[in-house]
Protein backbone atom coordinates (compact mmCIF):
# COMPACT_ATOMS: atom_id res chain seq x y z
CA MET A 1 -170.22 90.99 -1.53
CA SER A 2 -170.24 89.73 2.09
CA ALA A 3 -168.59 86.68 2.77
CA THR A 4 -171.98 84.55 3.47
CA HIS A 5 -172.77 85.27 -0.45
CA LYS A 6 -171.19 83.26 -2.94
CA GLU A 7 -171.54 83.89 -6.64
CA VAL A 8 -171.88 81.11 -8.72
CA LEU A 9 -171.37 79.99 -12.28
CA PHE A 10 -173.61 76.98 -13.27
CA GLY A 11 -174.57 74.87 -16.37
CA LEU A 12 -177.49 73.36 -16.52
CA TYR A 13 -177.52 69.85 -18.62
CA ASP A 14 -180.35 67.81 -20.02
CA ASP A 15 -179.15 64.43 -19.36
CA GLU A 16 -177.85 62.32 -16.79
CA GLU A 17 -175.25 61.06 -18.96
CA VAL A 18 -173.98 64.07 -20.19
CA LEU A 19 -173.62 65.32 -17.00
CA ILE A 20 -171.57 62.64 -15.62
CA LYS A 21 -169.00 62.83 -18.91
CA ALA A 22 -168.90 66.74 -18.11
CA VAL A 23 -168.02 65.99 -14.19
CA LYS A 24 -165.19 63.70 -15.81
CA GLN A 25 -163.80 66.34 -17.87
CA ALA A 26 -164.29 68.77 -14.96
CA LYS A 27 -161.74 66.80 -12.97
CA GLU A 28 -159.41 66.05 -15.63
CA ASP A 29 -159.30 69.79 -16.48
CA HIS A 30 -158.82 70.30 -12.79
CA LEU A 31 -161.60 72.53 -12.27
CA GLU A 32 -162.79 72.66 -8.72
CA ILE A 33 -166.85 72.06 -8.51
CA MET A 34 -168.89 73.58 -5.93
CA ASP A 35 -171.85 70.91 -6.16
CA VAL A 36 -173.88 68.83 -8.78
CA TYR A 37 -177.19 69.05 -8.43
CA THR A 38 -179.65 66.69 -9.41
CA PRO A 39 -183.60 66.18 -9.65
CA PHE A 40 -183.09 62.25 -8.35
CA PRO A 41 -180.17 59.99 -7.67
CA VAL A 42 -177.53 59.68 -10.66
CA HIS A 43 -176.13 56.36 -10.36
CA GLY A 44 -172.48 56.68 -10.35
CA LEU A 45 -172.02 60.41 -10.00
CA ASP A 46 -170.22 59.59 -6.45
CA PRO A 47 -167.49 57.93 -7.35
CA VAL A 48 -166.88 60.46 -10.08
CA LEU A 49 -166.86 63.16 -7.74
CA GLY A 50 -164.44 61.53 -5.77
CA LEU A 51 -167.08 61.32 -2.75
CA ALA A 52 -166.99 58.75 0.04
CA GLU A 53 -169.31 56.25 1.38
CA SER A 54 -171.94 57.89 3.28
CA ARG A 55 -171.64 57.02 7.37
CA LEU A 56 -175.61 57.47 7.70
CA HIS A 57 -176.59 53.95 7.58
CA ILE A 58 -174.05 53.26 10.57
CA ALA A 59 -176.20 56.07 12.73
CA GLY A 60 -179.01 54.35 11.29
CA PHE A 61 -177.78 50.81 13.10
CA ILE A 62 -177.11 52.75 16.17
CA TYR A 63 -180.27 54.34 16.43
CA GLY A 64 -182.07 50.94 15.68
CA ALA A 65 -179.98 49.30 18.61
CA ILE A 66 -180.71 52.02 21.13
CA GLY A 67 -184.67 51.20 20.30
CA THR A 68 -184.20 47.51 21.04
CA LEU A 69 -182.27 47.84 24.16
CA THR A 70 -184.73 50.57 25.35
CA ALA A 71 -187.97 48.10 24.13
CA PHE A 72 -186.44 44.97 25.52
CA LEU A 73 -185.30 46.39 28.71
CA PHE A 74 -188.13 48.41 29.50
CA MET A 75 -190.63 45.51 29.06
CA SER A 76 -187.79 43.33 31.16
CA TRP A 77 -188.33 46.00 33.95
CA VAL A 78 -192.09 46.31 34.03
CA PHE A 79 -193.12 42.64 33.66
CA THR A 80 -190.49 41.19 36.07
CA ARG A 81 -190.15 44.16 38.62
CA ASP A 82 -192.55 46.67 38.35
CA TRP A 83 -195.67 44.81 37.52
CA PRO A 84 -195.29 41.07 37.65
CA ILE A 85 -198.38 39.67 36.68
CA ILE A 86 -198.65 35.99 35.23
CA PHE A 87 -200.78 36.05 31.56
CA GLY A 88 -202.26 32.90 30.30
CA GLY A 89 -199.67 30.68 32.27
CA LYS A 90 -196.52 32.61 30.63
CA PRO A 91 -193.52 33.26 32.79
CA TYR A 92 -192.97 37.04 34.06
CA TRP A 93 -189.77 37.20 31.57
CA SER A 94 -191.34 36.03 28.25
CA VAL A 95 -189.23 36.70 25.46
CA PRO A 96 -191.24 35.76 22.49
CA ALA A 97 -194.24 37.94 23.60
CA PHE A 98 -191.58 41.34 23.71
CA ILE A 99 -190.67 40.54 20.04
CA PRO A 100 -193.42 42.56 18.18
CA ILE A 101 -193.08 45.40 20.46
CA THR A 102 -189.11 45.50 20.47
CA PHE A 103 -189.10 45.15 16.28
CA GLU A 104 -191.51 47.99 15.98
CA LEU A 105 -189.50 50.49 18.51
CA THR A 106 -186.60 49.21 16.75
CA VAL A 107 -188.10 50.97 13.44
CA LEU A 108 -189.42 53.64 14.93
CA PHE A 109 -186.03 55.05 16.62
CA ALA A 110 -184.38 54.48 13.42
CA SER A 111 -186.36 55.77 11.44
CA ILE A 112 -186.99 59.36 13.31
CA GLY A 113 -183.00 59.06 14.26
CA MET A 114 -182.22 58.75 10.53
CA VAL A 115 -184.87 61.83 9.67
CA VAL A 116 -182.98 64.22 12.51
CA SER A 117 -179.48 63.42 11.27
CA PHE A 118 -180.54 63.64 7.58
CA TYR A 119 -181.98 67.19 8.10
CA THR A 120 -179.18 68.17 10.69
CA VAL A 121 -176.15 67.31 8.24
CA CYS A 122 -178.12 68.85 5.18
CA GLY A 123 -178.80 71.81 7.25
CA MET A 124 -182.29 71.79 6.72
CA ALA A 125 -184.23 73.20 9.86
CA PRO A 126 -187.92 74.12 10.30
CA GLY A 127 -188.18 77.83 8.86
CA LYS A 128 -184.75 77.92 7.27
CA THR A 129 -184.87 78.51 3.56
CA ILE A 130 -182.50 76.70 1.28
CA PRO A 131 -181.45 79.13 -2.15
CA THR A 132 -181.70 77.30 -4.87
CA LEU A 133 -179.76 78.16 -8.10
CA ASP A 134 -182.56 77.01 -10.57
CA ASP A 135 -185.88 75.70 -9.84
CA ARG A 136 -185.83 73.46 -12.94
CA ILE A 137 -183.01 71.41 -10.92
CA THR A 138 -185.56 69.85 -8.79
CA ASP A 139 -188.09 68.84 -11.84
CA ASP A 140 -185.78 67.74 -15.14
CA LYS A 141 -182.39 69.75 -15.47
CA PHE A 142 -178.99 68.49 -14.10
CA CYS A 143 -176.64 70.93 -12.74
CA ILE A 144 -172.62 71.82 -12.41
CA ALA A 145 -171.98 74.40 -10.16
CA PHE A 146 -168.53 76.42 -9.73
CA GLU A 147 -167.79 79.17 -6.92
CA THR A 148 -166.59 82.28 -8.74
CA ASN A 149 -166.12 84.92 -5.71
CA ASP A 150 -162.73 85.85 -6.62
CA ALA A 151 -162.58 84.21 -10.12
CA SER A 152 -160.33 86.07 -12.65
CA GLU A 153 -162.09 87.01 -15.66
CA SER A 154 -159.87 84.17 -17.63
CA HIS A 155 -161.02 81.10 -15.15
CA LEU A 156 -164.72 82.57 -15.79
CA ASP A 157 -163.78 82.49 -19.54
CA LYS A 158 -162.45 78.98 -18.89
CA LEU A 159 -165.10 77.86 -16.88
CA ARG A 160 -167.90 79.13 -19.91
CA SER A 161 -165.81 77.19 -22.77
CA PHE A 162 -165.81 73.99 -20.68
CA PHE A 163 -169.71 74.29 -20.28
CA SER A 164 -170.37 75.10 -24.11
CA ALA A 165 -167.72 71.98 -24.68
CA SER A 166 -169.37 69.78 -22.39
CA GLY A 167 -172.98 70.05 -23.60
CA ALA A 168 -174.54 72.27 -21.08
CA SER A 169 -177.74 73.67 -22.53
CA GLU A 170 -177.44 77.18 -20.57
CA VAL A 171 -174.99 79.08 -18.40
CA ASN A 172 -175.98 81.23 -15.66
CA THR A 173 -174.76 83.29 -12.79
CA LYS A 174 -176.35 83.74 -9.52
CA VAL A 175 -175.57 85.33 -5.97
CA ILE A 176 -176.37 82.85 -3.40
């Protein structure tokens, strides 16, 4: 098997509460979880897995600030240096008139930047196919996956017994 392929043993669960209990049990048993897949965000799963809070919101703030500066500085330049025309008796540099466009560009830059960042971090590019363990994970099943490339038979038995003890409805193996 090549280094780019992973052999994965995974268990499917029907309920998110059972999944959280199973993850806690796996952590207590010192099993190294490759990943947990859910069809929707499960409240409380990140702390159980020991994941740090995402820093994506910091990037969103930075993108929004860039949008704000772009709009405000561009309009300041246009209305004071490039094309100074007095509209309806307002001064050249009328900050209250800049607010709607500044707001719109803040939202535009933040949203586009967040989408690009999210897709980049997740490795999702146009035309790239992401292998899935089971199609039902995107619909109604929850999954705990363990990488088993170099696992011994005793370790595989331990993982299978973990799945049966933790309430998994199915246990499967797949090479991705």
